[in-house]
Amino acid sequence: MKTILATGALLAGTALAGTAVAEDTIKVGFPVPLTGEYAPYAEIQGARCMAEMINRDGGVDGRKFELLVQDTGADSQAAISLTEKFLDDGIVAMGTIPFSDTMIPVAQLAADYGVTVFQAQSTQVEMHSGVVDNFISGVSPDPFTATAAANYALGQGVKNVVLFTSDEGGSWSARTPVWFGEVIEAGGGKVLGALNFSFGTTDWSPQIAEMKNLDEPIDAVYISSIMPDVGVLIRQMRAAGLDAWVFGSDGLDDPSLDALAESDPALLDKVAFGTLAPSHADSRLAQFMKDCAAIDMPVEGLFPALGADTIMAVAYGVKESGGTDPEAIREALRSADAVPVLTVESVSFKDNNSFAQRTIPVIGFKDGKRVLISNEVPDNVPAWR
């Protein structure tokens, strides 16, 4: 996802996990939005809980995690300023807001220190163009999630689709629907058209009217956007008599989508999204959230939980490299056949260098409850770089 508004301000203070002395710590920096509309997507809850769990278990070869956390309010300049501060404080890796207009300058600064930006949530293709070499994403880029969703759609007999696109979210909202459409067409389906939208839309009647006026019936729509916008779209489509599937990307992986089922479970019967990690009731992620709640460190949803992957990846790099040299940690991650993480059993960066090779889950709903309906490494991803 990408910054839509630059709001908020720096908060003073540094949050720490663990109390080890400096020379025995593994410092990881998190200049992230703790306030503002993007606060629910910050990975810090999962990072803090996992760091606490590892520290309670003795750390990594005796070294304890220390997390340096300050609020950016989703402002890129604040993230850059904090990055400079954290680098001077000796961090070995860092996470930041998952938007390329922030990640690129932050990674460029970190490169001078040999430090890796490990972003547990970033799906934007811009980060894999070679502009920086010290960036690693713990998940796969948007073309993969789009393909997984499209493959499932084709399996459900979907033929005619309408794409909702917006430039406001960069490639995430503009290109992800296009990749979905390309896979649908390669599978024998048809893109009936593309409709523009804006973030924050509360009245979808213009787009709904256009869909109802098409010459051919719609089997599905695809949108890469955020809640509550998509929830409003679903309600208004159903009220207008449009029973088409609603497919989406990881932006739909939000507990507020599930809340639609409280009034009418049938609203979610034909809703599905490709996402970053399995998040259904029996998933590793769900169990982690329960374990964190038990130690009074609540983690609220997929995006906050993904920070656990950052901490586990850094822990692996420290152990395999035998120390806290940031470049040695990055090399250990990129040379490994399998790096253990929280949200799936393991990931690999060996073949892709800057992003994880991992399965792409598709989440659907049954009786208003989310279920895992597909989980694959798609091999028919459209060309994207």
Protein backbone atom coordinates (compact mmCIF):
# COMPACT_ATOMS: atom_id res chain seq x y z
CA MET A 1 0.00 0.00 0.00
CA LYS A 2 1.01 3.60 -0.41
CA THR A 3 0.72 6.83 1.53
CA ILE A 4 -2.48 8.74 0.78
CA LEU A 5 -2.14 11.45 3.41
CA ALA A 6 1.01 12.65 5.18
CA THR A 7 -0.23 13.35 8.68
CA GLY A 8 0.88 13.12 12.27
CA ALA A 9 3.96 14.16 14.13
CA LEU A 10 6.95 12.63 15.85
CA LEU A 11 6.32 11.32 19.33
CA ALA A 12 9.10 11.55 21.82
CA GLY A 13 10.36 8.42 23.50
CA THR A 14 11.75 5.03 22.57
CA ALA A 15 9.98 1.75 23.29
CA LEU A 16 12.22 -1.16 24.19
CA ALA A 17 11.74 -4.91 24.32
CA GLY A 18 14.12 -6.41 26.87
CA THR A 19 16.59 -4.82 29.25
CA ALA A 20 19.93 -6.25 28.18
CA VAL A 21 23.06 -4.12 28.18
CA ALA A 22 23.90 -2.43 24.89
CA GLU A 23 26.70 -4.73 23.72
CA ASP A 24 24.47 -7.75 24.12
CA THR A 25 21.47 -6.37 22.29
CA ILE A 26 20.05 -6.78 18.81
CA LYS A 27 18.76 -3.33 17.98
CA VAL A 28 15.97 -3.08 15.40
CA GLY A 29 14.51 0.30 14.44
CA PHE A 30 10.86 0.98 13.67
CA PRO A 31 10.01 4.49 12.47
CA VAL A 32 6.33 3.66 11.89
CA PRO A 33 2.88 5.30 12.09
CA LEU A 34 1.62 4.83 15.64
CA THR A 35 -1.03 7.51 15.13
CA GLY A 36 -3.27 8.46 12.22
CA GLU A 37 -5.21 6.40 9.72
CA TYR A 38 -2.32 4.02 9.02
CA ALA A 39 -1.66 3.14 12.65
CA PRO A 40 -3.74 -0.09 12.34
CA TYR A 41 -1.30 -1.29 9.67
CA ALA A 42 1.91 -0.75 11.65
CA GLU A 43 3.74 -4.00 12.35
CA ILE A 44 4.97 -3.01 15.78
CA GLN A 45 2.51 -5.04 17.87
CA GLY A 46 3.71 -8.32 16.38
CA ALA A 47 7.34 -7.24 16.50
CA ARG A 48 7.13 -6.34 20.19
CA CYS A 49 5.39 -9.55 21.14
CA MET A 50 7.81 -11.78 19.24
CA ALA A 51 10.82 -9.88 20.62
CA GLU A 52 9.43 -10.34 24.12
CA MET A 53 8.90 -14.07 23.55
CA ILE A 54 12.44 -14.54 22.26
CA ASN A 55 13.91 -12.45 25.07
CA ARG A 56 12.00 -14.43 27.71
CA ASP A 57 13.45 -17.60 26.19
CA GLY A 58 17.01 -16.30 26.58
CA GLY A 59 17.42 -14.32 23.38
CA VAL A 60 19.54 -15.31 20.38
CA ASP A 61 22.73 -16.92 21.66
CA GLY A 62 22.28 -14.76 24.74
CA ARG A 63 21.66 -11.51 22.88
CA LYS A 64 18.36 -9.77 23.65
CA PHE A 65 16.24 -7.74 21.27
CA GLU A 66 15.91 -4.02 21.79
CA LEU A 67 13.30 -2.30 19.64
CA LEU A 68 13.64 1.41 18.91
CA VAL A 69 10.15 2.64 18.07
CA GLN A 70 8.90 6.14 17.32
CA ASP A 71 5.88 7.57 15.54
CA THR A 72 6.07 8.94 12.01
CA GLY A 73 2.37 9.65 11.63
CA ALA A 74 2.79 8.25 8.08
CA ASP A 75 4.98 11.23 7.18
CA SER A 76 7.97 10.36 4.97
CA GLN A 77 10.21 13.13 6.25
CA ALA A 78 9.60 12.02 9.82
CA ALA A 79 10.57 8.49 8.84
CA ILE A 80 13.77 9.75 7.21
CA SER A 81 14.74 11.82 10.26
CA LEU A 82 14.12 8.92 12.61
CA THR A 83 16.04 6.56 10.34
CA GLU A 84 19.12 8.78 10.67
CA LYS A 85 18.73 8.76 14.46
CA PHE A 86 18.26 4.99 14.71
CA LEU A 87 21.21 4.28 12.41
CA ASP A 88 23.42 6.36 14.66
CA ASP A 89 22.07 4.35 17.61
CA GLY A 90 23.46 1.14 16.11
CA ILE A 91 20.47 -0.74 14.70
CA VAL A 92 21.22 -3.91 12.72
CA ALA A 93 17.97 -3.88 10.73
CA MET A 94 14.81 -1.83 10.48
CA GLY A 95 11.20 -1.82 9.40
CA THR A 96 9.24 1.17 8.18
CA ILE A 97 5.92 2.12 6.64
CA PRO A 98 5.25 -0.13 3.59
CA PHE A 99 5.03 2.61 0.94
CA SER A 100 7.72 3.04 -1.69
CA ASP A 101 7.91 6.83 -1.38
CA THR A 102 9.15 6.26 2.18
CA MET A 103 10.94 2.93 1.82
CA ILE A 104 13.25 4.04 -1.01
CA PRO A 105 14.84 7.07 0.71
CA VAL A 106 14.96 5.20 4.03
CA ALA A 107 16.74 2.25 2.39
CA GLN A 108 19.17 4.59 0.64
CA LEU A 109 20.13 6.10 4.00
CA ALA A 110 20.45 2.70 5.64
CA ALA A 111 22.68 1.42 2.82
CA ASP A 112 25.54 3.65 3.98
CA TYR A 113 25.49 1.73 7.28
CA GLY A 114 25.06 -1.69 5.67
CA VAL A 115 21.68 -1.97 7.37
CA THR A 116 18.79 -3.90 5.82
CA VAL A 117 15.28 -2.53 5.59
CA PHE A 118 13.20 -5.65 6.24
CA GLN A 119 9.59 -4.77 5.51
CA ALA A 120 7.16 -7.47 6.59
CA GLN A 121 4.18 -6.08 4.67
CA SER A 122 5.47 -4.43 1.49
CA THR A 123 3.95 -5.78 -1.73
CA GLN A 124 4.72 -2.85 -4.05
CA VAL A 125 6.68 -3.80 -7.14
CA GLU A 126 8.64 -0.53 -7.10
CA MET A 127 10.89 -1.93 -4.38
CA HIS A 128 12.12 -4.78 -6.61
CA SER A 129 13.35 -2.71 -9.53
CA GLY A 130 16.96 -2.67 -8.35
CA VAL A 131 16.90 0.92 -7.11
CA VAL A 132 18.22 -0.30 -3.72
CA ASP A 133 20.02 -3.51 -2.79
CA ASN A 134 19.51 -3.52 0.98
CA PHE A 135 15.74 -4.01 0.89
CA ILE A 136 13.97 -7.29 1.70
CA SER A 137 10.23 -7.84 1.84
CA GLY A 138 8.94 -10.72 3.92
CA VAL A 139 6.01 -11.20 1.55
CA SER A 140 5.52 -11.60 -2.20
CA PRO A 141 4.68 -8.68 -4.52
CA ASP A 142 1.16 -7.75 -5.65
CA PRO A 143 1.23 -9.69 -8.95
CA PHE A 144 1.37 -12.89 -6.90
CA THR A 145 -1.66 -12.08 -4.73
CA ALA A 146 -3.58 -10.94 -7.82
CA THR A 147 -2.75 -14.20 -9.60
CA ALA A 148 -3.76 -16.40 -6.67
CA ALA A 149 -7.12 -14.62 -6.45
CA ALA A 150 -7.65 -14.86 -10.21
CA ASN A 151 -6.84 -18.57 -10.26
CA TYR A 152 -9.44 -19.19 -7.59
CA ALA A 153 -11.96 -17.02 -9.46
CA LEU A 154 -11.45 -19.02 -12.66
CA GLY A 155 -12.00 -22.20 -10.66
CA GLN A 156 -15.38 -20.82 -9.59
CA GLY A 157 -16.43 -20.31 -13.20
CA VAL A 158 -15.78 -16.57 -13.28
CA LYS A 159 -15.58 -15.26 -16.85
CA ASN A 160 -16.63 -11.59 -17.08
CA VAL A 161 -14.93 -9.18 -14.69
CA VAL A 162 -14.85 -5.46 -13.99
CA LEU A 163 -11.71 -3.89 -12.51
CA PHE A 164 -11.73 -1.00 -10.04
CA THR A 165 -8.53 1.04 -10.32
CA SER A 166 -7.08 4.09 -8.58
CA ASP A 167 -3.75 5.90 -8.87
CA GLU A 168 -3.98 7.07 -5.26
CA GLY A 169 -2.39 3.90 -3.90
CA GLY A 170 0.39 3.63 -6.49
CA SER A 171 0.82 0.28 -8.20
CA TRP A 172 -1.02 -1.45 -5.35
CA SER A 173 -4.37 0.07 -6.32
CA ALA A 174 -3.64 0.85 -9.99
CA ARG A 175 -1.80 -2.22 -11.29
CA THR A 176 -2.93 -5.07 -9.02
CA PRO A 177 -6.41 -5.14 -10.62
CA VAL A 178 -4.77 -5.16 -14.06
CA TRP A 179 -2.68 -8.22 -13.18
CA PHE A 180 -5.85 -9.92 -11.94
CA GLY A 181 -7.50 -9.13 -15.26
CA GLU A 182 -4.55 -10.45 -17.26
CA VAL A 183 -4.78 -13.83 -15.51
CA ILE A 184 -8.55 -13.94 -16.04
CA GLU A 185 -8.10 -13.27 -19.76
CA ALA A 186 -5.30 -15.84 -20.04
CA GLY A 187 -7.74 -18.32 -18.49
CA GLY A 188 -10.41 -17.64 -21.08
CA GLY A 189 -12.29 -14.85 -19.32
CA LYS A 190 -12.95 -11.26 -20.31
CA VAL A 191 -12.39 -7.84 -18.75
CA LEU A 192 -15.56 -5.88 -19.44
CA GLY A 193 -14.07 -2.59 -18.30
CA ALA A 194 -12.15 -0.61 -15.70
CA LEU A 195 -13.82 1.87 -13.36
CA ASN A 196 -11.93 4.56 -11.49
CA PHE A 197 -12.40 5.16 -7.77
CA SER A 198 -10.97 7.29 -4.98
CA PHE A 199 -10.01 6.30 -1.47
CA GLY A 200 -12.62 7.36 1.04
CA THR A 201 -15.55 6.72 -1.32
CA THR A 202 -18.86 6.39 0.52
CA ASP A 203 -21.18 6.49 -2.49
CA TRP A 204 -20.47 3.89 -5.16
CA SER A 205 -23.70 4.52 -7.07
CA PRO A 206 -21.94 5.94 -10.20
CA GLN A 207 -19.79 2.82 -10.59
CA ILE A 208 -22.73 0.53 -9.77
CA ALA A 209 -24.86 2.25 -12.40
CA GLU A 210 -22.12 1.74 -15.01
CA MET A 211 -21.89 -1.95 -14.16
CA LYS A 212 -25.65 -2.43 -14.40
CA ASN A 213 -25.64 -0.79 -17.83
CA LEU A 214 -23.07 -3.16 -19.33
CA ASP A 215 -24.24 -5.37 -22.17
CA GLU A 216 -22.90 -8.53 -20.53
CA PRO A 217 -23.51 -9.85 -17.00
CA ILE A 218 -20.70 -9.42 -14.46
CA ASP A 219 -19.34 -12.48 -12.68
CA ALA A 220 -16.86 -10.62 -10.49
CA VAL A 221 -15.29 -7.29 -9.65
CA TYR A 222 -11.74 -6.81 -8.37
CA ILE A 223 -10.56 -3.95 -6.18
CA SER A 224 -7.31 -3.30 -4.33
CA SER A 225 -8.38 -0.86 -1.64
CA ILE A 226 -8.93 -0.54 2.09
CA MET A 227 -11.68 -0.82 4.63
CA PRO A 228 -14.21 0.60 5.30
CA ASP A 229 -14.45 1.61 1.61
CA VAL A 230 -14.75 -1.95 0.29
CA GLY A 231 -17.32 -2.84 2.92
CA VAL A 232 -19.48 0.03 1.72
CA LEU A 233 -19.05 -1.15 -1.88
CA ILE A 234 -20.18 -4.67 -0.98
CA ARG A 235 -23.27 -3.41 0.85
CA GLN A 236 -24.26 -1.06 -1.96
CA MET A 237 -23.70 -3.68 -4.67
CA ARG A 238 -25.93 -6.18 -2.87
CA ALA A 239 -28.59 -3.54 -2.23
CA ALA A 240 -28.57 -2.75 -5.96
CA GLY A 241 -29.07 -6.40 -6.85
CA LEU A 242 -25.52 -7.07 -8.07
CA ASP A 243 -24.61 -10.56 -6.87
CA ALA A 244 -21.16 -10.67 -8.52
CA TRP A 245 -18.12 -11.91 -6.66
CA VAL A 246 -16.03 -9.22 -4.98
CA PHE A 247 -12.34 -10.12 -5.14
CA GLY A 248 -9.59 -8.04 -3.58
CA SER A 249 -6.04 -7.87 -2.27
CA ASP A 250 -4.51 -7.73 1.20
CA GLY A 251 -6.28 -4.45 2.01
CA LEU A 252 -9.40 -6.53 2.65
CA ASP A 253 -7.59 -8.53 5.33
CA ASP A 254 -9.07 -6.37 8.06
CA PRO A 255 -11.28 -7.45 11.00
CA SER A 256 -13.79 -4.76 10.03
CA LEU A 257 -14.60 -6.76 6.88
CA ASP A 258 -15.58 -9.75 9.02
CA ALA A 259 -17.84 -7.42 10.99
CA LEU A 260 -20.15 -7.13 7.96
CA ALA A 261 -21.34 -10.63 8.75
CA GLU A 262 -22.73 -9.54 12.12
CA SER A 263 -25.79 -8.06 10.42
CA ASP A 264 -25.98 -10.55 7.54
CA PRO A 265 -23.50 -13.43 7.05
CA ALA A 266 -24.65 -13.76 3.43
CA LEU A 267 -22.99 -10.43 2.59
CA LEU A 268 -19.64 -12.23 2.57
CA ASP A 269 -20.70 -15.39 0.73
CA LYS A 270 -19.08 -14.22 -2.53
CA VAL A 271 -16.18 -12.19 -1.14
CA ALA A 272 -12.56 -13.38 -1.32
CA PHE A 273 -9.09 -11.84 -1.29
CA GLY A 274 -5.53 -12.84 -1.94
CA THR A 275 -3.45 -11.88 1.05
CA LEU A 276 -0.03 -12.04 2.66
CA ALA A 277 -0.39 -14.91 5.11
CA PRO A 278 -3.08 -17.36 6.22
CA SER A 279 -5.29 -15.51 8.72
CA HIS A 280 -8.18 -17.90 9.30
CA ALA A 281 -9.11 -19.28 12.72
CA ASP A 282 -6.76 -22.29 12.63
CA SER A 283 -3.72 -20.43 11.28
CA ARG A 284 -0.36 -19.94 12.95
CA LEU A 285 -1.11 -16.22 12.97
CA ALA A 286 -4.35 -16.71 14.91
CA GLN A 287 -2.54 -18.83 17.49
CA PHE A 288 0.18 -16.20 17.82
CA MET A 289 -2.42 -13.53 18.55
CA LYS A 290 -3.88 -15.75 21.28
CA ASP A 291 -0.41 -16.33 22.77
CA CYS A 292 0.34 -12.60 22.72
CA ALA A 293 -2.96 -11.79 24.41
CA ALA A 294 -2.05 -14.29 27.14
CA ILE A 295 1.06 -12.24 28.01
CA ASP A 296 -0.87 -8.96 27.84
CA MET A 297 0.64 -7.90 24.50
CA PRO A 298 -2.38 -7.84 22.18
CA VAL A 299 -1.87 -8.10 18.42
CA GLU A 300 -4.87 -7.02 16.39
CA GLY A 301 -4.95 -8.55 12.93
CA LEU A 302 -2.71 -9.61 10.08
CA PHE A 303 -0.79 -6.40 9.46
CA PRO A 304 0.30 -5.82 13.08
CA ALA A 305 1.17 -9.53 13.39
CA LEU A 306 3.52 -9.49 10.40
CA GLY A 307 6.12 -7.67 12.49
CA ALA A 308 6.80 -11.02 14.14
CA ASP A 309 8.26 -12.20 10.83
CA THR A 310 10.74 -9.32 10.88
CA ILE A 311 11.99 -10.26 14.34
CA MET A 312 12.21 -13.97 13.54
CA ALA A 313 14.10 -13.26 10.31
CA VAL A 314 16.60 -11.01 12.10
CA ALA A 315 16.99 -13.62 14.84
CA TYR A 316 17.81 -16.23 12.19
CA GLY A 317 20.33 -13.90 10.53
CA VAL A 318 22.05 -13.17 13.84
CA LYS A 319 22.28 -16.84 14.77
CA GLU A 320 23.51 -18.00 11.36
CA SER A 321 26.04 -15.18 10.97
CA GLY A 322 27.25 -15.52 14.53
CA GLY A 323 26.91 -11.85 15.40
CA THR A 324 25.24 -8.53 14.77
CA ASP A 325 27.05 -7.27 11.69
CA PRO A 326 24.14 -6.00 9.56
CA GLU A 327 25.61 -7.02 6.21
CA ALA A 328 26.41 -10.52 7.47
CA ILE A 329 22.81 -10.80 8.71
CA ARG A 330 21.50 -9.86 5.26
CA GLU A 331 23.81 -12.34 3.53
CA ALA A 332 22.65 -15.10 5.90
CA LEU A 333 19.03 -14.38 5.01
CA ARG A 334 19.64 -14.32 1.26
CA SER A 335 21.70 -17.50 1.18
CA ALA A 336 19.34 -19.64 3.26
CA ASP A 337 17.13 -22.32 1.74
CA ALA A 338 14.50 -21.67 4.39
CA VAL A 339 14.15 -18.89 6.96
CA PRO A 340 11.68 -19.71 9.76
CA VAL A 341 9.02 -17.04 10.32
CA LEU A 342 5.77 -16.78 12.20
CA THR A 343 3.07 -16.44 9.58
CA VAL A 344 4.14 -19.47 7.53
CA GLU A 345 6.57 -22.25 8.35
CA SER A 346 9.41 -20.69 6.38
CA VAL A 347 10.29 -18.36 3.52
CA SER A 348 13.20 -18.15 1.12
CA PHE A 349 14.96 -15.17 -0.44
CA LYS A 350 17.52 -17.28 -2.24
CA ASP A 351 15.98 -17.06 -5.70
CA ASN A 352 14.30 -13.65 -5.55
CA ASN A 353 16.81 -11.71 -3.41
CA SER A 354 14.46 -8.89 -2.41
CA PHE A 355 11.21 -10.70 -1.66
CA ALA A 356 10.02 -13.92 -0.10
CA GLN A 357 9.11 -17.06 -1.97
CA ARG A 358 6.05 -18.27 -0.09
CA THR A 359 2.55 -19.57 -0.63
CA ILE A 360 -0.18 -17.02 -1.39
CA PRO A 361 -3.36 -17.69 0.58
CA VAL A 362 -6.82 -16.75 -0.63
CA ILE A 363 -9.33 -16.12 2.13
CA GLY A 364 -13.08 -16.56 1.66
CA PHE A 365 -16.05 -16.82 3.99
CA LYS A 366 -18.45 -19.53 5.09
CA ASP A 367 -21.41 -18.61 7.27
CA GLY A 368 -19.75 -15.25 7.88
CA LYS A 369 -16.46 -16.77 9.13
CA ARG A 370 -13.20 -16.55 7.21
CA VAL A 371 -11.85 -19.77 5.74
CA LEU A 372 -8.74 -20.65 3.76
CA ILE A 373 -9.97 -21.48 0.26
CA SER A 374 -6.65 -21.63 -1.59
CA ASN A 375 -2.97 -21.56 -0.68
CA GLU A 376 -0.48 -21.88 -3.52
CA VAL A 377 2.70 -20.54 -5.04
CA PRO A 378 1.22 -19.45 -8.39
CA ASP A 379 3.30 -20.29 -11.47
CA ASN A 380 1.31 -18.19 -13.95
CA VAL A 381 2.14 -14.71 -12.63
CA PRO A 382 2.06 -12.06 -15.39
CA ALA A 383 5.30 -10.33 -16.34
CA TRP A 384 5.82 -7.42 -13.96
CA ARG A 385 9.50 -6.41 -14.11
